[in-house]
PDB file of N, CA and C in Angstrom:
ATOM      1  N   MET A   1       4.080  20.652 -14.437  1.00  0.00           N
ATOM      2  CA  MET A   1       5.025  21.741 -14.529  1.00  0.00           C
ATOM      3  C   MET A   1       6.288  21.196 -15.181  1.00  0.00           C
ATOM      4  N   ASN A   2       6.760  21.907 -16.193  1.00  0.00           N
ATOM      5  CA  ASN A   2       8.004  21.504 -16.831  1.00  0.00           C
ATOM      6  C   ASN A   2       9.142  22.423 -16.376  1.00  0.00           C
ATOM      7  N   LYS A   3      10.331  22.198 -16.914  1.00  0.00           N
ATOM      8  CA  LYS A   3      11.508  22.943 -16.465  1.00  0.00           C
ATOM      9  C   LYS A   3      11.361  24.443 -16.708  1.00  0.00           C
ATOM     10  N   THR A   4      10.824  24.835 -17.854  1.00  0.00           N
ATOM     11  CA  THR A   4      10.638  26.256 -18.174  1.00  0.00           C
ATOM     12  C   THR A   4       9.675  26.912 -17.192  1.00  0.00           C
ATOM     13  N   GLU A   5       8.588  26.233 -16.889  1.00  0.00           N
ATOM     14  CA  GLU A   5       7.614  26.774 -15.933  1.00  0.00           C
ATOM     15  C   GLU A   5       8.225  26.875 -14.536  1.00  0.00           C
ATOM     16  N   LEU A   6       9.050  25.909 -14.167  1.00  0.00           N
ATOM     17  CA  LEU A   6       9.716  25.946 -12.868  1.00  0.00           C
ATOM     18  C   LEU A   6      10.679  27.127 -12.796  1.00  0.00           C
ATOM     19  N   ILE A   7      11.419  27.360 -13.857  1.00  0.00           N
ATOM     20  CA  ILE A   7      12.336  28.498 -13.898  1.00  0.00           C
ATOM     21  C   ILE A   7      11.573  29.813 -13.769  1.00  0.00           C
ATOM     22  N   GLU A   8      10.458  29.938 -14.472  1.00  0.00           N
ATOM     23  CA  GLU A   8       9.633  31.148 -14.377  1.00  0.00           C
ATOM     24  C   GLU A   8       9.117  31.344 -12.956  1.00  0.00           C
ATOM     25  N   HIS A   9       8.711  30.257 -12.312  1.00  0.00           N
ATOM     26  CA  HIS A   9       8.212  30.329 -10.936  1.00  0.00           C
ATOM     27  C   HIS A   9       9.321  30.773  -9.982  1.00  0.00           C
ATOM     28  N   ILE A  10      10.506  30.188 -10.115  1.00  0.00           N
ATOM     29  CA  ILE A  10      11.639  30.557  -9.264  1.00  0.00           C
ATOM     30  C   ILE A  10      11.977  32.030  -9.461  1.00  0.00           C
ATOM     31  N   ALA A  11      12.023  32.469 -10.719  1.00  0.00           N
ATOM     32  CA  ALA A  11      12.368  33.859 -11.022  1.00  0.00           C
ATOM     33  C   ALA A  11      11.360  34.832 -10.418  1.00  0.00           C
ATOM     34  N   SER A  12      10.079  34.522 -10.530  1.00  0.00           N
ATOM     35  CA  SER A  12       9.064  35.442 -10.006  1.00  0.00           C
ATOM     36  C   SER A  12       9.017  35.457  -8.478  1.00  0.00           C
ATOM     37  N   LYS A  13       9.161  34.300  -7.843  1.00  0.00           N
ATOM     38  CA  LYS A  13       9.108  34.229  -6.383  1.00  0.00           C
ATOM     39  C   LYS A  13      10.370  34.782  -5.718  1.00  0.00           C
ATOM     40  N   SER A  14      11.507  34.681  -6.400  1.00  0.00           N
ATOM     41  CA  SER A  14      12.773  35.126  -5.814  1.00  0.00           C
ATOM     42  C   SER A  14      13.181  36.513  -6.280  1.00  0.00           C
ATOM     43  N   ASP A  15      12.407  37.102  -7.179  1.00  0.00           N
ATOM     44  CA  ASP A  15      12.691  38.423  -7.729  1.00  0.00           C
ATOM     45  C   ASP A  15      14.081  38.475  -8.357  1.00  0.00           C
ATOM     46  N   ILE A  16      14.367  37.453  -9.183  1.00  0.00           N
ATOM     47  CA  ILE A  16      15.625  37.400  -9.928  1.00  0.00           C
ATOM     48  C   ILE A  16      15.289  37.183 -11.404  1.00  0.00           C
ATOM     49  N   SER A  17      16.273  37.351 -12.266  1.00  0.00           N
ATOM     50  CA  SER A  17      16.043  37.168 -13.703  1.00  0.00           C
ATOM     51  C   SER A  17      15.867  35.681 -14.019  1.00  0.00           C
ATOM     52  N   LYS A  18      15.274  35.432 -15.186  1.00  0.00           N
ATOM     53  CA  LYS A  18      15.109  34.045 -15.617  1.00  0.00           C
ATOM     54  C   LYS A  18      16.467  33.390 -15.853  1.00  0.00           C
ATOM     55  N   ALA A  19      17.437  34.171 -16.322  1.00  0.00           N
ATOM     56  CA  ALA A  19      18.780  33.623 -16.547  1.00  0.00           C
ATOM     57  C   ALA A  19      19.405  33.183 -15.235  1.00  0.00           C
ATOM     58  N   ALA A  20      19.248  33.996 -14.197  1.00  0.00           N
ATOM     59  CA  ALA A  20      19.796  33.631 -12.881  1.00  0.00           C
ATOM     60  C   ALA A  20      19.064  32.417 -12.318  1.00  0.00           C
ATOM     61  N   ALA A  21      17.751  32.355 -12.513  1.00  0.00           N
ATOM     62  CA  ALA A  21      16.976  31.211 -12.042  1.00  0.00           C
ATOM     63  C   ALA A  21      17.383  29.942 -12.779  1.00  0.00           C
ATOM     64  N   THR A  22      17.676  30.067 -14.071  1.00  0.00           N
ATOM     65  CA  THR A  22      18.133  28.928 -14.864  1.00  0.00           C
ATOM     66  C   THR A  22      19.457  28.410 -14.339  1.00  0.00           C
ATOM     67  N   ARG A  23      20.383  29.320 -14.056  1.00  0.00           N
ATOM     68  CA  ARG A  23      21.690  28.919 -13.515  1.00  0.00           C
ATOM     69  C   ARG A  23      21.536  28.284 -12.141  1.00  0.00           C
ATOM     70  N   ALA A  24      20.661  28.833 -11.311  1.00  0.00           N
ATOM     71  CA  ALA A  24      20.449  28.281  -9.968  1.00  0.00           C
ATOM     72  C   ALA A  24      19.890  26.864 -10.047  1.00  0.00           C
ATOM     73  N   LEU A  25      18.893  26.666 -10.891  1.00  0.00           N
ATOM     74  CA  LEU A  25      18.299  25.334 -11.033  1.00  0.00           C
ATOM     75  C   LEU A  25      19.321  24.349 -11.597  1.00  0.00           C
ATOM     76  N   ALA A  26      20.099  24.787 -12.584  1.00  0.00           N
ATOM     77  CA  ALA A  26      21.113  23.913 -13.178  1.00  0.00           C
ATOM     78  C   ALA A  26      22.163  23.516 -12.147  1.00  0.00           C
ATOM     79  N   SER A  27      22.542  24.450 -11.278  1.00  0.00           N
ATOM     80  CA  SER A  27      23.549  24.115 -10.262  1.00  0.00           C
ATOM     81  C   SER A  27      22.990  23.157  -9.219  1.00  0.00           C
ATOM     82  N   ILE A  28      21.723  23.286  -8.876  1.00  0.00           N
ATOM     83  CA  ILE A  28      21.100  22.354  -7.934  1.00  0.00           C
ATOM     84  C   ILE A  28      21.061  20.950  -8.532  1.00  0.00           C
ATOM     85  N   ILE A  29      20.630  20.855  -9.781  1.00  0.00           N
ATOM     86  CA  ILE A  29      20.553  19.556 -10.445  1.00  0.00           C
ATOM     87  C   ILE A  29      21.935  18.923 -10.555  1.00  0.00           C
ATOM     88  N   GLU A  30      22.938  19.731 -10.900  1.00  0.00           N
ATOM     89  CA  GLU A  30      24.312  19.231 -11.013  1.00  0.00           C
ATOM     90  C   GLU A  30      24.828  18.729  -9.666  1.00  0.00           C
ATOM     91  N   ALA A  31      24.541  19.476  -8.594  1.00  0.00           N
ATOM     92  CA  ALA A  31      24.990  19.066  -7.267  1.00  0.00           C
ATOM     93  C   ALA A  31      24.346  17.752  -6.842  1.00  0.00           C
ATOM     94  N   VAL A  32      23.054  17.583  -7.133  1.00  0.00           N
ATOM     95  CA  VAL A  32      22.359  16.343  -6.786  1.00  0.00           C
ATOM     96  C   VAL A  32      22.968  15.179  -7.574  1.00  0.00           C
ATOM     97  N   LYS A  33      23.206  15.387  -8.881  1.00  0.00           N
ATOM     98  CA  LYS A  33      23.799  14.324  -9.701  1.00  0.00           C
ATOM     99  C   LYS A  33      25.167  13.906  -9.181  1.00  0.00           C
ATOM    100  N   LYS A  34      26.033  14.893  -8.878  1.00  0.00           N
ATOM    101  CA  LYS A  34      27.382  14.585  -8.392  1.00  0.00           C
ATOM    102  C   LYS A  34      27.339  13.815  -7.078  1.00  0.00           C
ATOM    103  N   THR A  35      26.476  14.251  -6.182  1.00  0.00           N
ATOM    104  CA  THR A  35      26.369  13.604  -4.881  1.00  0.00           C
ATOM    105  C   THR A  35      25.875  12.169  -5.021  1.00  0.00           C
ATOM    106  N   LEU A  36      24.849  11.962  -5.861  1.00  0.00           N
ATOM    107  CA  LEU A  36      24.332  10.610  -6.063  1.00  0.00           C
ATOM    108  C   LEU A  36      25.355   9.726  -6.756  1.00  0.00           C
ATOM    109  N   LYS A  37      26.123  10.292  -7.673  1.00  0.00           N
ATOM    110  CA  LYS A  37      27.139   9.508  -8.374  1.00  0.00           C
ATOM    111  C   LYS A  37      28.205   8.997  -7.411  1.00  0.00           C
ATOM    112  N   LYS A  38      28.498   9.791  -6.362  1.00  0.00           N
ATOM    113  CA  LYS A  38      29.457   9.361  -5.337  1.00  0.00           C
ATOM    114  C   LYS A  38      28.862   8.300  -4.419  1.00  0.00           C
ATOM    115  N   GLY A  39      27.544   8.101  -4.489  1.00  0.00           N
ATOM    116  CA  GLY A  39      26.897   7.106  -3.639  1.00  0.00           C
ATOM    117  C   GLY A  39      26.303   7.687  -2.373  1.00  0.00           C
ATOM    118  N   ASP A  40      26.349   9.013  -2.221  1.00  0.00           N
ATOM    119  CA  ASP A  40      25.787   9.667  -1.045  1.00  0.00           C
ATOM    120  C   ASP A  40      24.321  10.010  -1.276  1.00  0.00           C
ATOM    121  N   THR A  41      23.673  10.501  -0.239  1.00  0.00           N
ATOM    122  CA  THR A  41      22.275  10.910  -0.347  1.00  0.00           C
ATOM    123  C   THR A  41      22.170  12.430  -0.243  1.00  0.00           C
ATOM    124  N   VAL A  42      21.077  12.957  -0.774  1.00  0.00           N
ATOM    125  CA  VAL A  42      20.778  14.387  -0.674  1.00  0.00           C
ATOM    126  C   VAL A  42      19.464  14.494   0.080  1.00  0.00           C
ATOM    127  N   THR A  43      19.499  15.144   1.243  1.00  0.00           N
ATOM    128  CA  THR A  43      18.301  15.292   2.056  1.00  0.00           C
ATOM    129  C   THR A  43      17.912  16.752   2.137  1.00  0.00           C
ATOM    130  N   LEU A  44      16.685  17.043   1.732  1.00  0.00           N
ATOM    131  CA  LEU A  44      16.118  18.380   1.846  1.00  0.00           C
ATOM    132  C   LEU A  44      14.999  18.267   2.878  1.00  0.00           C
ATOM    133  N   VAL A  45      15.274  18.735   4.084  1.00  0.00           N
ATOM    134  CA  VAL A  45      14.333  18.577   5.192  1.00  0.00           C
ATOM    135  C   VAL A  45      12.992  19.200   4.812  1.00  0.00           C
ATOM    136  N   GLY A  46      11.929  18.442   5.003  1.00  0.00           N
ATOM    137  CA  GLY A  46      10.587  18.897   4.679  1.00  0.00           C
ATOM    138  C   GLY A  46      10.189  18.602   3.245  1.00  0.00           C
ATOM    139  N   PHE A  47      11.150  18.269   2.398  1.00  0.00           N
ATOM    140  CA  PHE A  47      10.843  17.955   0.996  1.00  0.00           C
ATOM    141  C   PHE A  47      11.036  16.473   0.709  1.00  0.00           C
ATOM    142  N   GLY A  48      12.255  15.970   0.946  1.00  0.00           N
ATOM    143  CA  GLY A  48      12.491  14.555   0.718  1.00  0.00           C
ATOM    144  C   GLY A  48      13.965  14.225   0.607  1.00  0.00           C
ATOM    145  N   THR A  49      14.236  12.959   0.302  1.00  0.00           N
ATOM    146  CA  THR A  49      15.602  12.457   0.219  1.00  0.00           C
ATOM    147  C   THR A  49      15.820  11.753  -1.114  1.00  0.00           C
ATOM    148  N   PHE A  50      16.901  12.152  -1.797  1.00  0.00           N
ATOM    149  CA  PHE A  50      17.327  11.494  -3.021  1.00  0.00           C
ATOM    150  C   PHE A  50      18.426  10.517  -2.629  1.00  0.00           C
ATOM    151  N   SER A  51      18.367   9.301  -3.158  1.00  0.00           N
ATOM    152  CA  SER A  51      19.388   8.306  -2.854  1.00  0.00           C
ATOM    153  C   SER A  51      19.591   7.409  -4.072  1.00  0.00           C
ATOM    154  N   VAL A  52      20.579   6.530  -3.962  1.00  0.00           N
ATOM    155  CA  VAL A  52      20.877   5.580  -5.034  1.00  0.00           C
ATOM    156  C   VAL A  52      20.655   4.181  -4.488  1.00  0.00           C
ATOM    157  N   SER A  53      19.984   3.349  -5.269  1.00  0.00           N
ATOM    158  CA  SER A  53      19.866   1.949  -4.877  1.00  0.00           C
ATOM    159  C   SER A  53      20.348   1.090  -6.035  1.00  0.00           C
ATOM    160  N   LYS A  54      20.699  -0.134  -5.705  1.00  0.00           N
ATOM    161  CA  LYS A  54      21.218  -1.053  -6.711  1.00  0.00           C
ATOM    162  C   LYS A  54      20.114  -2.010  -7.135  1.00  0.00           C
ATOM    163  N   ARG A  55      20.002  -2.184  -8.431  1.00  0.00           N
ATOM    164  CA  ARG A  55      19.041  -3.137  -8.980  1.00  0.00           C
ATOM    165  C   ARG A  55      19.839  -4.320  -9.511  1.00  0.00           C
ATOM    166  N   ALA A  56      19.507  -5.498  -9.075  1.00  0.00           N
ATOM    167  CA  ALA A  56      20.251  -6.707  -9.453  1.00  0.00           C
ATOM    168  C   ALA A  56      20.008  -7.060 -10.920  1.00  0.00           C
ATOM    169  N   ALA A  57      20.939  -7.814 -11.483  1.00  0.00           N
ATOM    170  CA  ALA A  57      20.766  -8.330 -12.834  1.00  0.00           C
ATOM    171  C   ALA A  57      19.586  -9.296 -12.835  1.00  0.00           C
ATOM    172  N   ARG A  58      18.884  -9.331 -13.938  1.00  0.00           N
ATOM    173  CA  ARG A  58      17.716 -10.209 -13.997  1.00  0.00           C
ATOM    174  C   ARG A  58      17.469 -10.636 -15.442  1.00  0.00           C
ATOM    175  N   THR A  59      16.563 -11.575 -15.603  1.00  0.00           N
ATOM    176  CA  THR A  59      16.196 -12.049 -16.932  1.00  0.00           C
ATOM    177  C   THR A  59      14.850 -11.458 -17.297  1.00  0.00           C
ATOM    178  N   GLY A  60      14.787 -10.862 -18.478  1.00  0.00           N
ATOM    179  CA  GLY A  60      13.537 -10.300 -18.971  1.00  0.00           C
ATOM    180  C   GLY A  60      13.086 -11.056 -20.208  1.00  0.00           C
ATOM    181  N   ARG A  61      11.977 -10.622 -20.766  1.00  0.00           N
ATOM    182  CA  ARG A  61      11.439 -11.251 -21.974  1.00  0.00           C
ATOM    183  C   ARG A  61      11.169 -10.179 -23.026  1.00  0.00           C
ATOM    184  N   ASN A  62      11.532 -10.490 -24.256  1.00  0.00           N
ATOM    185  CA  ASN A  62      11.183  -9.620 -25.369  1.00  0.00           C
ATOM    186  C   ASN A  62       9.682  -9.786 -25.600  1.00  0.00           C
ATOM    187  N   PRO A  63       8.886  -8.709 -25.473  1.00  0.00           N
ATOM    188  CA  PRO A  63       7.439  -8.868 -25.594  1.00  0.00           C
ATOM    189  C   PRO A  63       6.986  -9.288 -26.993  1.00  0.00           C
ATOM    190  N   ARG A  64       7.780  -8.966 -27.996  1.00  0.00           N
ATOM    191  CA  ARG A  64       7.397  -9.310 -29.364  1.00  0.00           C
ATOM    192  C   ARG A  64       7.651 -10.778 -29.670  1.00  0.00           C
ATOM    193  N   THR A  65       8.833 -11.280 -29.257  1.00  0.00           N
ATOM    194  CA  THR A  65       9.202 -12.654 -29.609  1.00  0.00           C
ATOM    195  C   THR A  65       9.090 -13.634 -28.445  1.00  0.00           C
ATOM    196  N   GLY A  66       9.068 -13.114 -27.230  1.00  0.00           N
ATOM    197  CA  GLY A  66       9.022 -13.993 -26.071  1.00  0.00           C
ATOM    198  C   GLY A  66      10.380 -14.545 -25.688  1.00  0.00           C
ATOM    199  N   ALA A  67      11.420 -14.153 -26.410  1.00  0.00           N
ATOM    200  CA  ALA A  67      12.770 -14.652 -26.129  1.00  0.00           C
ATOM    201  C   ALA A  67      13.297 -14.051 -24.831  1.00  0.00           C
ATOM    202  N   ALA A  68      14.024 -14.857 -24.076  1.00  0.00           N
ATOM    203  CA  ALA A  68      14.624 -14.389 -22.821  1.00  0.00           C
ATOM    204  C   ALA A  68      15.847 -13.544 -23.135  1.00  0.00           C
ATOM    205  N   LEU A  69      16.049 -12.484 -22.349  1.00  0.00           N
ATOM    206  CA  LEU A  69      17.246 -11.671 -22.496  1.00  0.00           C
ATOM    207  C   LEU A  69      17.725 -11.228 -21.134  1.00  0.00           C
ATOM    208  N   LYS A  70      19.031 -11.004 -21.049  1.00  0.00           N
ATOM    209  CA  LYS A  70      19.635 -10.632 -19.778  1.00  0.00           C
ATOM    210  C   LYS A  70      19.603  -9.110 -19.633  1.00  0.00           C
ATOM    211  N   ILE A  71      19.179  -8.649 -18.467  1.00  0.00           N
ATOM    212  CA  ILE A  71      19.180  -7.231 -18.148  1.00  0.00           C
ATOM    213  C   ILE A  71      20.276  -7.024 -17.109  1.00  0.00           C
ATOM    214  N   LYS A  72      21.209  -6.117 -17.402  1.00  0.00           N
ATOM    215  CA  LYS A  72      22.359  -5.886 -16.531  1.00  0.00           C
ATOM    216  C   LYS A  72      21.939  -5.266 -15.203  1.00  0.00           C
ATOM    217  N   ALA A  73      22.773  -5.450 -14.200  1.00  0.00           N
ATOM    218  CA  ALA A  73      22.584  -4.781 -12.915  1.00  0.00           C
ATOM    219  C   ALA A  73      22.789  -3.287 -13.141  1.00  0.00           C
ATOM    220  N   ALA A  74      22.100  -2.468 -12.350  1.00  0.00           N
ATOM    221  CA  ALA A  74      22.199  -1.020 -12.534  1.00  0.00           C
ATOM    222  C   ALA A  74      22.001  -0.301 -11.211  1.00  0.00           C
ATOM    223  N   LYS A  75      22.543   0.906 -11.146  1.00  0.00           N
ATOM    224  CA  LYS A  75      22.265   1.808 -10.031  1.00  0.00           C
ATOM    225  C   LYS A  75      21.131   2.714 -10.484  1.00  0.00           C
ATOM    226  N   VAL A  76      20.127   2.885  -9.636  1.00  0.00           N
ATOM    227  CA  VAL A  76      18.974   3.707  -9.999  1.00  0.00           C
ATOM    228  C   VAL A  76      18.710   4.757  -8.923  1.00  0.00           C
ATOM    229  N   PRO A  77      18.313   5.955  -9.342  1.00  0.00           N
ATOM    230  CA  PRO A  77      17.992   6.990  -8.367  1.00  0.00           C
ATOM    231  C   PRO A  77      16.647   6.712  -7.710  1.00  0.00           C
ATOM    232  N   ARG A  78      16.546   7.067  -6.444  1.00  0.00           N
ATOM    233  CA  ARG A  78      15.297   6.921  -5.687  1.00  0.00           C
ATOM    234  C   ARG A  78      14.975   8.247  -5.020  1.00  0.00           C
ATOM    235  N   PHE A  79      13.696   8.484  -4.800  1.00  0.00           N
ATOM    236  CA  PHE A  79      13.257   9.668  -4.068  1.00  0.00           C
ATOM    237  C   PHE A  79      12.236   9.235  -3.037  1.00  0.00           C
ATOM    238  N   LYS A  80      12.471   9.622  -1.797  1.00  0.00           N
ATOM    239  CA  LYS A  80      11.527   9.336  -0.720  1.00  0.00           C
ATOM    240  C   LYS A  80      11.006  10.672  -0.222  1.00  0.00           C
ATOM    241  N   PRO A  81       9.712  10.945  -0.412  1.00  0.00           N
ATOM    242  CA  PRO A  81       9.172  12.239   0.018  1.00  0.00           C
ATOM    243  C   PRO A  81       9.224  12.396   1.530  1.00  0.00           C
ATOM    244  N   GLY A  82       9.456  13.636   1.961  1.00  0.00           N
ATOM    245  CA  GLY A  82       9.499  13.950   3.381  1.00  0.00           C
ATOM    246  C   GLY A  82       8.118  14.247   3.932  1.00  0.00           C
ATOM    247  N   LYS A  83       8.034  14.384   5.229  1.00  0.00           N
ATOM    248  CA  LYS A  83       6.764  14.622   5.903  1.00  0.00           C
ATOM    249  C   LYS A  83       6.107  15.926   5.432  1.00  0.00           C
ATOM    250  N   GLY A  84       6.883  16.976   5.252  1.00  0.00           N
ATOM    251  CA  GLY A  84       6.330  18.255   4.817  1.00  0.00           C
ATOM    252  C   GLY A  84       5.666  18.164   3.459  1.00  0.00           C
ATOM    253  N   LEU A  85       6.278  17.429   2.535  1.00  0.00           N
ATOM    254  CA  LEU A  85       5.709  17.249   1.205  1.00  0.00           C
ATOM    255  C   LEU A  85       4.448  16.391   1.266  1.00  0.00           C
ATOM    256  N   LYS A  86       4.495  15.329   2.045  1.00  0.00           N
ATOM    257  CA  LYS A  86       3.322  14.475   2.187  1.00  0.00           C
ATOM    258  C   LYS A  86       2.150  15.239   2.794  1.00  0.00           C
ATOM    259  N   ASP A  87       2.446  16.035   3.831  1.00  0.00           N
ATOM    260  CA  ASP A  87       1.397  16.802   4.487  1.00  0.00           C
ATOM    261  C   ASP A  87       0.799  17.860   3.561  1.00  0.00           C
ATOM    262  N   ALA A  88       1.614  18.440   2.672  1.00  0.00           N
ATOM    263  CA  ALA A  88       1.130  19.449   1.744  1.00  0.00           C
ATOM    264  C   ALA A  88       0.149  18.865   0.736  1.00  0.00           C
ATOM    265  N   LEU A  89       0.281  17.582   0.460  1.00  0.00           N
ATOM    266  CA  LEU A  89      -0.594  16.933  -0.530  1.00  0.00           C
ATOM    267  C   LEU A  89      -1.888  16.415   0.067  1.00  0.00           C
ATOM    268  N   ASN A  90      -1.938  16.240   1.366  1.00  0.00           N
ATOM    269  CA  ASN A  90      -3.144  15.676   2.007  1.00  0.00           C
ATOM    270  C   ASN A  90      -3.857  16.694   2.860  1.00  0.00           C
TER     271      ASN A  90
END
């Protein structure tokens, strides 16, 4: 499912226009981004938890030349599925 299909699904299930569904999805995504940028977590009970973790700096290798290169430390988003989501899949 891509973003367009998700918007169509939201619009049909919620009985709202596609434009309203687009705005709703965009606001949810924006809220999650802002919260994660502050370093907080977003928990949707029954679905899962979005959080930020830190990845340490490390040394990698260029696959073409084999030369070592430094990879900077970074903050990366994480998602841990909740029990409701896990149960829905099994």
